[in-house]
Amino acid sequence: MKKSEALARLRRLRELISEFGQPNEPARHELLRLTRELKAAGSDNQYFAEKIASIERLAAVGFSACRHTSVAGGASQVRVFALSDLGTATSVAQESTFFPD
């Protein structure tokens, strides 16, 4: 996967994360597909893969009908956690050599 393709997928993840707070199976499935693709392509960088895996786990909470209510701050806080991991993953991808230009 080229760096531009990875960055496009990361941008799409940002859009999907913004929908946390209610069940949305199509969005959850798309997010999981994107995270699988990114983890496979970025498997040479463990830190990047861990951040993407974290987003994947947070999606299970963010797209749940009620699981996000068990988190202090609710869906908004789950979104903050996911966006923080996404920001880190994006920075790593931009500065990395494991995605060719």
N, C-alpha and C. Protein backbone atom coordinates (compact mmCIF):
# COMPACT_ATOMS: atom_id res chain seq x y z
N MET A 1 0.84 -1.16 0.00
CA MET A 1 0.00 0.00 0.00
C MET A 1 0.89 1.24 0.00
N LYS A 2 0.60 2.17 -0.88
CA LYS A 2 1.35 3.42 -0.93
C LYS A 2 0.94 4.33 0.22
N LYS A 3 1.83 5.26 0.56
CA LYS A 3 1.56 6.20 1.65
C LYS A 3 0.29 7.00 1.39
N SER A 4 0.08 7.44 0.17
CA SER A 4 -1.13 8.22 -0.14
C SER A 4 -2.40 7.39 0.08
N GLU A 5 -2.33 6.11 -0.23
CA GLU A 5 -3.49 5.23 -0.01
C GLU A 5 -3.75 5.02 1.49
N ALA A 6 -2.67 4.85 2.25
CA ALA A 6 -2.81 4.69 3.70
C ALA A 6 -3.40 5.96 4.31
N LEU A 7 -2.91 7.11 3.89
CA LEU A 7 -3.42 8.37 4.43
C LEU A 7 -4.89 8.59 4.06
N ALA A 8 -5.29 8.17 2.88
CA ALA A 8 -6.70 8.27 2.48
C ALA A 8 -7.56 7.38 3.38
N ARG A 9 -7.08 6.19 3.70
CA ARG A 9 -7.83 5.30 4.59
C ARG A 9 -7.91 5.89 5.99
N LEU A 10 -6.84 6.50 6.45
CA LEU A 10 -6.84 7.13 7.76
C LEU A 10 -7.82 8.31 7.81
N ARG A 11 -7.91 9.07 6.72
CA ARG A 11 -8.89 10.17 6.66
C ARG A 11 -10.31 9.62 6.73
N ARG A 12 -10.55 8.51 6.04
CA ARG A 12 -11.88 7.91 6.07
C ARG A 12 -12.20 7.39 7.48
N LEU A 13 -11.21 6.86 8.17
CA LEU A 13 -11.43 6.44 9.56
C LEU A 13 -11.91 7.60 10.41
N ARG A 14 -11.33 8.77 10.21
CA ARG A 14 -11.74 9.97 10.97
C ARG A 14 -13.23 10.23 10.75
N GLU A 15 -13.69 10.12 9.53
CA GLU A 15 -15.11 10.35 9.23
C GLU A 15 -15.98 9.30 9.93
N LEU A 16 -15.55 8.06 9.92
CA LEU A 16 -16.32 6.99 10.54
C LEU A 16 -16.36 7.14 12.06
N ILE A 17 -15.25 7.53 12.65
CA ILE A 17 -15.19 7.73 14.10
C ILE A 17 -16.16 8.83 14.53
N SER A 18 -16.37 9.81 13.68
CA SER A 18 -17.29 10.91 14.02
C SER A 18 -18.73 10.41 14.19
N GLU A 19 -19.01 9.20 13.72
CA GLU A 19 -20.36 8.63 13.82
C GLU A 19 -20.55 7.78 15.08
N PHE A 20 -19.54 7.68 15.94
CA PHE A 20 -19.69 6.93 17.19
C PHE A 20 -20.85 7.49 18.00
N GLY A 21 -21.54 6.61 18.71
CA GLY A 21 -22.61 7.03 19.60
C GLY A 21 -23.94 6.38 19.30
N GLN A 22 -24.00 5.66 18.22
CA GLN A 22 -25.22 4.94 17.87
C GLN A 22 -24.85 3.75 17.01
N PRO A 23 -25.70 2.74 17.02
CA PRO A 23 -25.41 1.58 16.17
C PRO A 23 -25.39 1.97 14.70
N ASN A 24 -24.39 1.49 13.99
CA ASN A 24 -24.27 1.75 12.56
C ASN A 24 -23.44 0.60 11.98
N GLU A 25 -24.11 -0.48 11.65
CA GLU A 25 -23.40 -1.67 11.18
C GLU A 25 -22.60 -1.43 9.89
N PRO A 26 -23.16 -0.74 8.89
CA PRO A 26 -22.35 -0.51 7.68
C PRO A 26 -21.07 0.29 7.99
N ALA A 27 -21.16 1.29 8.83
CA ALA A 27 -19.98 2.09 9.19
C ALA A 27 -18.99 1.25 9.99
N ARG A 28 -19.50 0.43 10.91
CA ARG A 28 -18.62 -0.42 11.71
C ARG A 28 -17.89 -1.42 10.83
N HIS A 29 -18.60 -2.02 9.89
CA HIS A 29 -17.97 -2.99 8.98
C HIS A 29 -16.93 -2.30 8.09
N GLU A 30 -17.22 -1.11 7.62
CA GLU A 30 -16.23 -0.39 6.80
C GLU A 30 -15.00 -0.06 7.64
N LEU A 31 -15.22 0.41 8.87
CA LEU A 31 -14.10 0.73 9.75
C LEU A 31 -13.24 -0.51 9.99
N LEU A 32 -13.87 -1.64 10.24
CA LEU A 32 -13.11 -2.88 10.47
C LEU A 32 -12.34 -3.30 9.23
N ARG A 33 -12.93 -3.13 8.06
CA ARG A 33 -12.22 -3.46 6.81
C ARG A 33 -10.99 -2.57 6.65
N LEU A 34 -11.17 -1.28 6.89
CA LEU A 34 -10.04 -0.34 6.76
C LEU A 34 -8.95 -0.64 7.77
N THR A 35 -9.33 -0.94 9.02
CA THR A 35 -8.30 -1.22 10.02
C THR A 35 -7.54 -2.51 9.69
N ARG A 36 -8.25 -3.51 9.17
CA ARG A 36 -7.55 -4.75 8.77
C ARG A 36 -6.55 -4.46 7.66
N GLU A 37 -6.96 -3.68 6.68
CA GLU A 37 -6.06 -3.34 5.57
C GLU A 37 -4.84 -2.57 6.07
N LEU A 38 -5.08 -1.61 6.94
CA LEU A 38 -3.97 -0.80 7.47
C LEU A 38 -3.04 -1.63 8.34
N LYS A 39 -3.59 -2.49 9.18
CA LYS A 39 -2.73 -3.33 10.03
C LYS A 39 -1.87 -4.25 9.18
N ALA A 40 -2.45 -4.82 8.14
CA ALA A 40 -1.69 -5.72 7.27
C ALA A 40 -0.58 -4.96 6.54
N ALA A 41 -0.90 -3.79 6.04
CA ALA A 41 0.08 -3.01 5.29
C ALA A 41 1.16 -2.41 6.19
N GLY A 42 0.80 -2.10 7.43
CA GLY A 42 1.75 -1.46 8.34
C GLY A 42 2.28 -2.39 9.40
N SER A 43 2.24 -3.69 9.14
CA SER A 43 2.64 -4.66 10.15
C SER A 43 4.12 -4.58 10.53
N ASP A 44 4.91 -3.92 9.70
CA ASP A 44 6.34 -3.76 10.03
C ASP A 44 6.56 -2.78 11.18
N ASN A 45 5.56 -1.97 11.48
CA ASN A 45 5.67 -1.00 12.56
C ASN A 45 4.66 -1.36 13.64
N GLN A 46 5.14 -1.94 14.71
CA GLN A 46 4.28 -2.44 15.79
C GLN A 46 3.48 -1.31 16.43
N TYR A 47 4.08 -0.15 16.60
CA TYR A 47 3.38 0.98 17.24
C TYR A 47 2.19 1.41 16.39
N PHE A 48 2.39 1.51 15.09
CA PHE A 48 1.30 1.85 14.17
C PHE A 48 0.19 0.80 14.27
N ALA A 49 0.56 -0.47 14.20
CA ALA A 49 -0.41 -1.56 14.26
C ALA A 49 -1.20 -1.55 15.57
N GLU A 50 -0.54 -1.21 16.68
CA GLU A 50 -1.21 -1.14 17.98
C GLU A 50 -2.24 -0.01 18.00
N LYS A 51 -1.90 1.13 17.43
CA LYS A 51 -2.84 2.25 17.40
C LYS A 51 -4.06 1.92 16.54
N ILE A 52 -3.84 1.25 15.44
CA ILE A 52 -4.95 0.85 14.57
C ILE A 52 -5.81 -0.20 15.28
N ALA A 53 -5.20 -1.13 15.98
CA ALA A 53 -5.94 -2.14 16.72
C ALA A 53 -6.78 -1.50 17.83
N SER A 54 -6.25 -0.48 18.45
CA SER A 54 -6.99 0.24 19.49
C SER A 54 -8.25 0.89 18.90
N ILE A 55 -8.12 1.49 17.73
CA ILE A 55 -9.28 2.09 17.06
C ILE A 55 -10.33 1.02 16.77
N GLU A 56 -9.86 -0.13 16.36
CA GLU A 56 -10.75 -1.25 16.08
C GLU A 56 -11.54 -1.65 17.34
N ARG A 57 -10.85 -1.75 18.48
CA ARG A 57 -11.52 -2.10 19.74
C ARG A 57 -12.50 -1.00 20.17
N LEU A 58 -12.10 0.25 20.01
CA LEU A 58 -12.98 1.35 20.39
C LEU A 58 -14.23 1.42 19.52
N ALA A 59 -14.13 0.96 18.28
CA ALA A 59 -15.29 0.96 17.40
C ALA A 59 -16.39 0.05 17.93
N ALA A 60 -16.01 -1.05 18.57
CA ALA A 60 -17.01 -1.95 19.15
C ALA A 60 -17.83 -1.24 20.21
N VAL A 61 -17.21 -0.34 20.93
CA VAL A 61 -17.89 0.45 21.96
C VAL A 61 -18.63 1.62 21.31
N GLY A 62 -17.95 2.31 20.42
CA GLY A 62 -18.52 3.52 19.81
C GLY A 62 -19.75 3.27 18.97
N PHE A 63 -19.82 2.13 18.32
CA PHE A 63 -20.97 1.82 17.47
C PHE A 63 -22.01 0.95 18.19
N SER A 64 -21.86 0.78 19.49
CA SER A 64 -22.81 0.01 20.27
C SER A 64 -24.00 0.88 20.69
N ALA A 65 -25.13 0.24 20.89
CA ALA A 65 -26.32 0.96 21.34
C ALA A 65 -26.15 1.48 22.76
N CYS A 66 -25.41 0.74 23.60
CA CYS A 66 -25.32 1.18 24.99
C CYS A 66 -23.94 1.01 25.63
N ARG A 67 -23.02 0.31 25.01
CA ARG A 67 -21.71 0.08 25.65
C ARG A 67 -20.97 1.38 25.93
N HIS A 68 -21.14 2.38 25.06
CA HIS A 68 -20.43 3.65 25.28
C HIS A 68 -20.94 4.37 26.53
N THR A 69 -22.14 4.03 27.01
CA THR A 69 -22.66 4.67 28.22
C THR A 69 -21.90 4.24 29.47
N SER A 70 -21.16 3.14 29.38
CA SER A 70 -20.38 2.67 30.53
C SER A 70 -19.04 3.40 30.65
N VAL A 71 -18.71 4.21 29.66
CA VAL A 71 -17.48 4.99 29.68
C VAL A 71 -17.79 6.39 30.20
N ALA A 72 -17.02 6.86 31.17
CA ALA A 72 -17.21 8.23 31.67
C ALA A 72 -17.06 9.19 30.49
N GLY A 73 -18.06 9.98 30.23
CA GLY A 73 -18.02 10.88 29.08
C GLY A 73 -18.75 10.32 27.88
N GLY A 74 -19.15 9.04 27.96
CA GLY A 74 -19.94 8.42 26.91
C GLY A 74 -19.26 8.35 25.55
N ALA A 75 -20.09 8.41 24.52
CA ALA A 75 -19.59 8.27 23.14
C ALA A 75 -18.60 9.37 22.80
N SER A 76 -18.81 10.54 23.37
CA SER A 76 -17.89 11.66 23.11
C SER A 76 -16.47 11.31 23.56
N GLN A 77 -16.34 10.69 24.73
CA GLN A 77 -15.02 10.32 25.24
C GLN A 77 -14.41 9.18 24.43
N VAL A 78 -15.24 8.22 24.02
CA VAL A 78 -14.74 7.12 23.17
C VAL A 78 -14.21 7.71 21.87
N ARG A 79 -14.92 8.69 21.33
CA ARG A 79 -14.48 9.37 20.10
C ARG A 79 -13.13 10.05 20.33
N VAL A 80 -12.96 10.71 21.47
CA VAL A 80 -11.69 11.38 21.79
C VAL A 80 -10.55 10.37 21.83
N PHE A 81 -10.78 9.24 22.48
CA PHE A 81 -9.74 8.19 22.55
C PHE A 81 -9.37 7.71 21.14
N ALA A 82 -10.38 7.43 20.33
CA ALA A 82 -10.14 6.92 18.97
C ALA A 82 -9.43 7.96 18.12
N LEU A 83 -9.84 9.22 18.22
CA LEU A 83 -9.19 10.27 17.42
C LEU A 83 -7.75 10.51 17.86
N SER A 84 -7.48 10.33 19.14
CA SER A 84 -6.11 10.45 19.63
C SER A 84 -5.23 9.36 19.02
N ASP A 85 -5.73 8.12 19.04
CA ASP A 85 -4.98 7.02 18.43
C ASP A 85 -4.83 7.23 16.93
N LEU A 86 -5.88 7.74 16.30
CA LEU A 86 -5.82 8.00 14.87
C LEU A 86 -4.78 9.07 14.55
N GLY A 87 -4.73 10.12 15.35
CA GLY A 87 -3.74 11.17 15.14
C GLY A 87 -2.32 10.64 15.24
N THR A 88 -2.09 9.78 16.22
CA THR A 88 -0.77 9.18 16.38
C THR A 88 -0.44 8.29 15.19
N ALA A 89 -1.40 7.45 14.79
CA ALA A 89 -1.18 6.55 13.65
C ALA A 89 -0.91 7.35 12.37
N THR A 90 -1.63 8.44 12.20
CA THR A 90 -1.44 9.28 11.01
C THR A 90 -0.04 9.89 11.00
N SER A 91 0.40 10.38 12.15
CA SER A 91 1.75 10.95 12.24
C SER A 91 2.82 9.91 11.93
N VAL A 92 2.64 8.71 12.48
CA VAL A 92 3.59 7.63 12.22
C VAL A 92 3.61 7.30 10.73
N ALA A 93 2.43 7.22 10.12
CA ALA A 93 2.35 6.87 8.69
C ALA A 93 3.00 7.95 7.82
N GLN A 94 2.79 9.21 8.17
CA GLN A 94 3.35 10.31 7.39
C GLN A 94 4.88 10.32 7.44
N GLU A 95 5.41 9.97 8.57
CA GLU A 95 6.87 10.04 8.77
C GLU A 95 7.58 8.72 8.51
N SER A 96 6.84 7.71 8.18
CA SER A 96 7.42 6.37 8.09
C SER A 96 8.00 6.07 6.71
N THR A 97 8.75 5.00 6.70
CA THR A 97 9.26 4.48 5.43
C THR A 97 8.60 3.15 5.09
N PHE A 98 7.71 2.64 6.00
CA PHE A 98 7.10 1.34 5.71
C PHE A 98 5.96 1.47 4.70
N PHE A 99 5.48 2.69 4.43
CA PHE A 99 4.56 2.93 3.32
C PHE A 99 5.35 3.66 2.25
N PRO A 100 5.56 3.06 1.10
CA PRO A 100 6.32 3.75 0.04
C PRO A 100 5.53 4.94 -0.51
N ASP A 101 6.25 5.93 -1.02
CA ASP A 101 5.60 7.11 -1.60
C ASP A 101 4.95 6.82 -2.92
